[in-house]
Amino acid sequence: MGRPTDNPKNVSVKFQSDNETFEKLKECSEKMHVSRAEVIRQGIHKVHNDLEEK
């Protein structure tokens, strides 16, 4: 199923969001030309990297 990958996305996460946050997510997705899921993944990595710097 799908293309072979070295990093399969096999975990699904669902979360609740307010309208403002969802609109920001959509805007980021459109401007970056990536999926909303990819924006969320990049955001998690950014927050995690910021934690390691403290």
PDB file of N, CA and C in Angstrom:
ATOM      1  N   MET A   1       0.826  -1.172   0.000  1.00  0.00           N
ATOM      2  CA  MET A   1       0.000   0.000   0.000  1.00  0.00           C
ATOM      3  C   MET A   1       0.880   1.249   0.000  1.00  0.00           C
ATOM      4  N   GLY A   2       0.709   2.146  -0.919  1.00  0.00           N
ATOM      5  CA  GLY A   2       1.503   3.361  -0.962  1.00  0.00           C
ATOM      6  C   GLY A   2       2.949   3.094  -1.323  1.00  0.00           C
ATOM      7  N   ARG A   3       3.729   4.154  -1.291  1.00  0.00           N
ATOM      8  CA  ARG A   3       5.151   4.024  -1.604  1.00  0.00           C
ATOM      9  C   ARG A   3       5.919   3.496  -0.408  1.00  0.00           C
ATOM     10  N   PRO A   4       6.956   2.697  -0.651  1.00  0.00           N
ATOM     11  CA  PRO A   4       7.805   2.251   0.459  1.00  0.00           C
ATOM     12  C   PRO A   4       8.512   3.454   1.086  1.00  0.00           C
ATOM     13  N   THR A   5       8.696   3.420   2.399  1.00  0.00           N
ATOM     14  CA  THR A   5       9.360   4.523   3.080  1.00  0.00           C
ATOM     15  C   THR A   5      10.202   3.994   4.232  1.00  0.00           C
ATOM     16  N   ASP A   6      11.220   4.746   4.592  1.00  0.00           N
ATOM     17  CA  ASP A   6      12.056   4.397   5.739  1.00  0.00           C
ATOM     18  C   ASP A   6      11.421   4.880   7.040  1.00  0.00           C
ATOM     19  N   ASN A   7      10.387   5.721   6.937  1.00  0.00           N
ATOM     20  CA  ASN A   7       9.759   6.295   8.122  1.00  0.00           C
ATOM     21  C   ASN A   7       8.237   6.220   7.981  1.00  0.00           C
ATOM     22  N   PRO A   8       7.659   5.029   8.134  1.00  0.00           N
ATOM     23  CA  PRO A   8       6.204   4.898   7.959  1.00  0.00           C
ATOM     24  C   PRO A   8       5.435   5.670   9.026  1.00  0.00           C
ATOM     25  N   LYS A   9       4.313   6.235   8.620  1.00  0.00           N
ATOM     26  CA  LYS A   9       3.445   6.982   9.538  1.00  0.00           C
ATOM     27  C   LYS A   9       2.300   6.057   9.930  1.00  0.00           C
ATOM     28  N   ASN A  10       2.499   5.262  10.979  1.00  0.00           N
ATOM     29  CA  ASN A  10       1.522   4.240  11.336  1.00  0.00           C
ATOM     30  C   ASN A  10       0.777   4.541  12.633  1.00  0.00           C
ATOM     31  N   VAL A  11       0.954   5.736  13.196  1.00  0.00           N
ATOM     32  CA  VAL A  11       0.248   6.132  14.408  1.00  0.00           C
ATOM     33  C   VAL A  11      -0.653   7.307  14.061  1.00  0.00           C
ATOM     34  N   SER A  12      -1.919   7.192  14.430  1.00  0.00           N
ATOM     35  CA  SER A  12      -2.886   8.255  14.165  1.00  0.00           C
ATOM     36  C   SER A  12      -3.171   9.000  15.461  1.00  0.00           C
ATOM     37  N   VAL A  13      -3.208  10.340  15.385  1.00  0.00           N
ATOM     38  CA  VAL A  13      -3.474  11.168  16.554  1.00  0.00           C
ATOM     39  C   VAL A  13      -4.617  12.111  16.207  1.00  0.00           C
ATOM     40  N   LYS A  14      -5.574  12.215  17.097  1.00  0.00           N
ATOM     41  CA  LYS A  14      -6.710  13.124  16.906  1.00  0.00           C
ATOM     42  C   LYS A  14      -6.701  14.120  18.056  1.00  0.00           C
ATOM     43  N   PHE A  15      -6.960  15.402  17.748  1.00  0.00           N
ATOM     44  CA  PHE A  15      -7.000  16.399  18.817  1.00  0.00           C
ATOM     45  C   PHE A  15      -8.068  17.438  18.531  1.00  0.00           C
ATOM     46  N   GLN A  16      -8.500  18.079  19.582  1.00  0.00           N
ATOM     47  CA  GLN A  16      -9.483  19.149  19.476  1.00  0.00           C
ATOM     48  C   GLN A  16      -8.753  20.475  19.321  1.00  0.00           C
ATOM     49  N   SER A  17      -9.323  21.378  18.547  1.00  0.00           N
ATOM     50  CA  SER A  17      -8.706  22.675  18.298  1.00  0.00           C
ATOM     51  C   SER A  17      -9.779  23.750  18.259  1.00  0.00           C
ATOM     52  N   ASP A  18      -9.389  24.951  18.657  1.00  0.00           N
ATOM     53  CA  ASP A  18     -10.294  26.085  18.493  1.00  0.00           C
ATOM     54  C   ASP A  18     -10.157  26.600  17.061  1.00  0.00           C
ATOM     55  N   ASN A  19     -11.090  27.428  16.633  1.00  0.00           N
ATOM     56  CA  ASN A  19     -11.097  27.918  15.250  1.00  0.00           C
ATOM     57  C   ASN A  19      -9.839  28.703  14.896  1.00  0.00           C
ATOM     58  N   GLU A  20      -9.357  29.527  15.797  1.00  0.00           N
ATOM     59  CA  GLU A  20      -8.173  30.347  15.517  1.00  0.00           C
ATOM     60  C   GLU A  20      -6.948  29.468  15.245  1.00  0.00           C
ATOM     61  N   THR A  21      -6.753  28.458  16.078  1.00  0.00           N
ATOM     62  CA  THR A  21      -5.611  27.561  15.897  1.00  0.00           C
ATOM     63  C   THR A  21      -5.732  26.781  14.596  1.00  0.00           C
ATOM     64  N   PHE A  22      -6.935  26.311  14.278  1.00  0.00           N
ATOM     65  CA  PHE A  22      -7.136  25.566  13.038  1.00  0.00           C
ATOM     66  C   PHE A  22      -6.885  26.445  11.820  1.00  0.00           C
ATOM     67  N   GLU A  23      -7.309  27.700  11.869  1.00  0.00           N
ATOM     68  CA  GLU A  23      -7.058  28.619  10.750  1.00  0.00           C
ATOM     69  C   GLU A  23      -5.562  28.858  10.580  1.00  0.00           C
ATOM     70  N   LYS A  24      -4.836  28.964  11.678  1.00  0.00           N
ATOM     71  CA  LYS A  24      -3.382  29.129  11.602  1.00  0.00           C
ATOM     72  C   LYS A  24      -2.742  27.891  10.987  1.00  0.00           C
ATOM     73  N   LEU A  25      -3.237  26.715  11.371  1.00  0.00           N
ATOM     74  CA  LEU A  25      -2.730  25.468  10.805  1.00  0.00           C
ATOM     75  C   LEU A  25      -2.965  25.421   9.301  1.00  0.00           C
ATOM     76  N   LYS A  26      -4.165  25.768   8.867  1.00  0.00           N
ATOM     77  CA  LYS A  26      -4.474  25.782   7.433  1.00  0.00           C
ATOM     78  C   LYS A  26      -3.589  26.781   6.689  1.00  0.00           C
ATOM     79  N   GLU A  27      -3.398  27.966   7.270  1.00  0.00           N
ATOM     80  CA  GLU A  27      -2.566  28.991   6.626  1.00  0.00           C
ATOM     81  C   GLU A  27      -1.126  28.504   6.478  1.00  0.00           C
ATOM     82  N   CYS A  28      -0.583  27.904   7.529  1.00  0.00           N
ATOM     83  CA  CYS A  28       0.785  27.369   7.459  1.00  0.00           C
ATOM     84  C   CYS A  28       0.883  26.305   6.368  1.00  0.00           C
ATOM     85  N   SER A  29      -0.096  25.428   6.330  1.00  0.00           N
ATOM     86  CA  SER A  29      -0.114  24.350   5.346  1.00  0.00           C
ATOM     87  C   SER A  29      -0.115  24.902   3.924  1.00  0.00           C
ATOM     88  N   GLU A  30      -0.956  25.889   3.684  1.00  0.00           N
ATOM     89  CA  GLU A  30      -1.061  26.472   2.345  1.00  0.00           C
ATOM     90  C   GLU A  30       0.217  27.197   1.944  1.00  0.00           C
ATOM     91  N   LYS A  31       0.777  27.988   2.866  1.00  0.00           N
ATOM     92  CA  LYS A  31       1.981  28.773   2.543  1.00  0.00           C
ATOM     93  C   LYS A  31       3.214  27.904   2.384  1.00  0.00           C
ATOM     94  N   MET A  32       3.271  26.786   3.138  1.00  0.00           N
ATOM     95  CA  MET A  32       4.430  25.901   3.071  1.00  0.00           C
ATOM     96  C   MET A  32       4.266  24.825   2.005  1.00  0.00           C
ATOM     97  N   HIS A  33       3.058  24.711   1.430  1.00  0.00           N
ATOM     98  CA  HIS A  33       2.751  23.694   0.416  1.00  0.00           C
ATOM     99  C   HIS A  33       3.009  22.285   0.943  1.00  0.00           C
ATOM    100  N   VAL A  34       2.580  22.052   2.184  1.00  0.00           N
ATOM    101  CA  VAL A  34       2.662  20.721   2.792  1.00  0.00           C
ATOM    102  C   VAL A  34       1.309  20.420   3.443  1.00  0.00           C
ATOM    103  N   SER A  35       1.128  19.173   3.851  1.00  0.00           N
ATOM    104  CA  SER A  35      -0.126  18.784   4.502  1.00  0.00           C
ATOM    105  C   SER A  35      -0.207  19.385   5.904  1.00  0.00           C
ATOM    106  N   ARG A  36      -1.425  19.433   6.428  1.00  0.00           N
ATOM    107  CA  ARG A  36      -1.598  19.894   7.804  1.00  0.00           C
ATOM    108  C   ARG A  36      -0.871  18.960   8.757  1.00  0.00           C
ATOM    109  N   ALA A  37      -0.877  17.656   8.469  1.00  0.00           N
ATOM    110  CA  ALA A  37      -0.159  16.696   9.307  1.00  0.00           C
ATOM    111  C   ALA A  37       1.334  17.011   9.335  1.00  0.00           C
ATOM    112  N   GLU A  38       1.894  17.398   8.188  1.00  0.00           N
ATOM    113  CA  GLU A  38       3.322  17.726   8.134  1.00  0.00           C
ATOM    114  C   GLU A  38       3.620  18.976   8.952  1.00  0.00           C
ATOM    115  N   VAL A  39       2.742  19.958   8.927  1.00  0.00           N
ATOM    116  CA  VAL A  39       2.917  21.162   9.755  1.00  0.00           C
ATOM    117  C   VAL A  39       2.944  20.762  11.229  1.00  0.00           C
ATOM    118  N   ILE A  40       2.027  19.897  11.632  1.00  0.00           N
ATOM    119  CA  ILE A  40       1.976  19.439  13.023  1.00  0.00           C
ATOM    120  C   ILE A  40       3.249  18.695  13.381  1.00  0.00           C
ATOM    121  N   ARG A  41       3.713  17.786  12.500  1.00  0.00           N
ATOM    122  CA  ARG A  41       4.956  17.049  12.771  1.00  0.00           C
ATOM    123  C   ARG A  41       6.127  18.004  12.939  1.00  0.00           C
ATOM    124  N   GLN A  42       6.243  18.987  12.036  1.00  0.00           N
ATOM    125  CA  GLN A  42       7.346  19.946  12.126  1.00  0.00           C
ATOM    126  C   GLN A  42       7.252  20.769  13.409  1.00  0.00           C
ATOM    127  N   GLY A  43       6.030  21.123  13.800  1.00  0.00           N
ATOM    128  CA  GLY A  43       5.841  21.876  15.037  1.00  0.00           C
ATOM    129  C   GLY A  43       6.276  21.087  16.257  1.00  0.00           C
ATOM    130  N   ILE A  44       5.954  19.807  16.287  1.00  0.00           N
ATOM    131  CA  ILE A  44       6.356  18.955  17.411  1.00  0.00           C
ATOM    132  C   ILE A  44       7.875  18.869  17.482  1.00  0.00           C
ATOM    133  N   HIS A  45       8.522  18.691  16.330  1.00  0.00           N
ATOM    134  CA  HIS A  45       9.993  18.630  16.316  1.00  0.00           C
ATOM    135  C   HIS A  45      10.590  19.954  16.783  1.00  0.00           C
ATOM    136  N   LYS A  46      10.000  21.074  16.376  1.00  0.00           N
ATOM    137  CA  LYS A  46      10.516  22.389  16.780  1.00  0.00           C
ATOM    138  C   LYS A  46      10.398  22.576  18.290  1.00  0.00           C
ATOM    139  N   VAL A  47       9.253  22.240  18.861  1.00  0.00           N
ATOM    140  CA  VAL A  47       9.071  22.368  20.303  1.00  0.00           C
ATOM    141  C   VAL A  47      10.036  21.447  21.035  1.00  0.00           C
ATOM    142  N   HIS A  48      10.187  20.226  20.545  1.00  0.00           N
ATOM    143  CA  HIS A  48      11.095  19.268  21.196  1.00  0.00           C
ATOM    144  C   HIS A  48      12.535  19.775  21.150  1.00  0.00           C
ATOM    145  N   ASN A  49      12.961  20.311  20.008  1.00  0.00           N
ATOM    146  CA  ASN A  49      14.319  20.854  19.905  1.00  0.00           C
ATOM    147  C   ASN A  49      14.512  22.039  20.858  1.00  0.00           C
ATOM    148  N   ASP A  50      13.472  22.870  20.998  1.00  0.00           N
ATOM    149  CA  ASP A  50      13.562  24.006  21.926  1.00  0.00           C
ATOM    150  C   ASP A  50      13.714  23.503  23.363  1.00  0.00           C
ATOM    151  N   LEU A  51      13.068  22.398  23.716  1.00  0.00           N
ATOM    152  CA  LEU A  51      13.201  21.835  25.070  1.00  0.00           C
ATOM    153  C   LEU A  51      14.629  21.381  25.329  1.00  0.00           C
ATOM    154  N   GLU A  52      15.251  20.795  24.306  1.00  0.00           N
ATOM    155  CA  GLU A  52      16.620  20.294  24.471  1.00  0.00           C
ATOM    156  C   GLU A  52      17.611  21.423  24.663  1.00  0.00           C
ATOM    157  N   GLU A  53      17.299  22.627  24.176  1.00  0.00           N
ATOM    158  CA  GLU A  53      18.208  23.766  24.293  1.00  0.00           C
ATOM    159  C   GLU A  53      18.167  24.387  25.686  1.00  0.00           C
ATOM    160  N   LYS A  54      17.153  24.087  26.462  1.00  0.00           N
ATOM    161  CA  LYS A  54      17.027  24.690  27.805  1.00  0.00           C
ATOM    162  C   LYS A  54      17.822  23.937  28.833  1.00  0.00           C
TER     163      LYS A  54
END
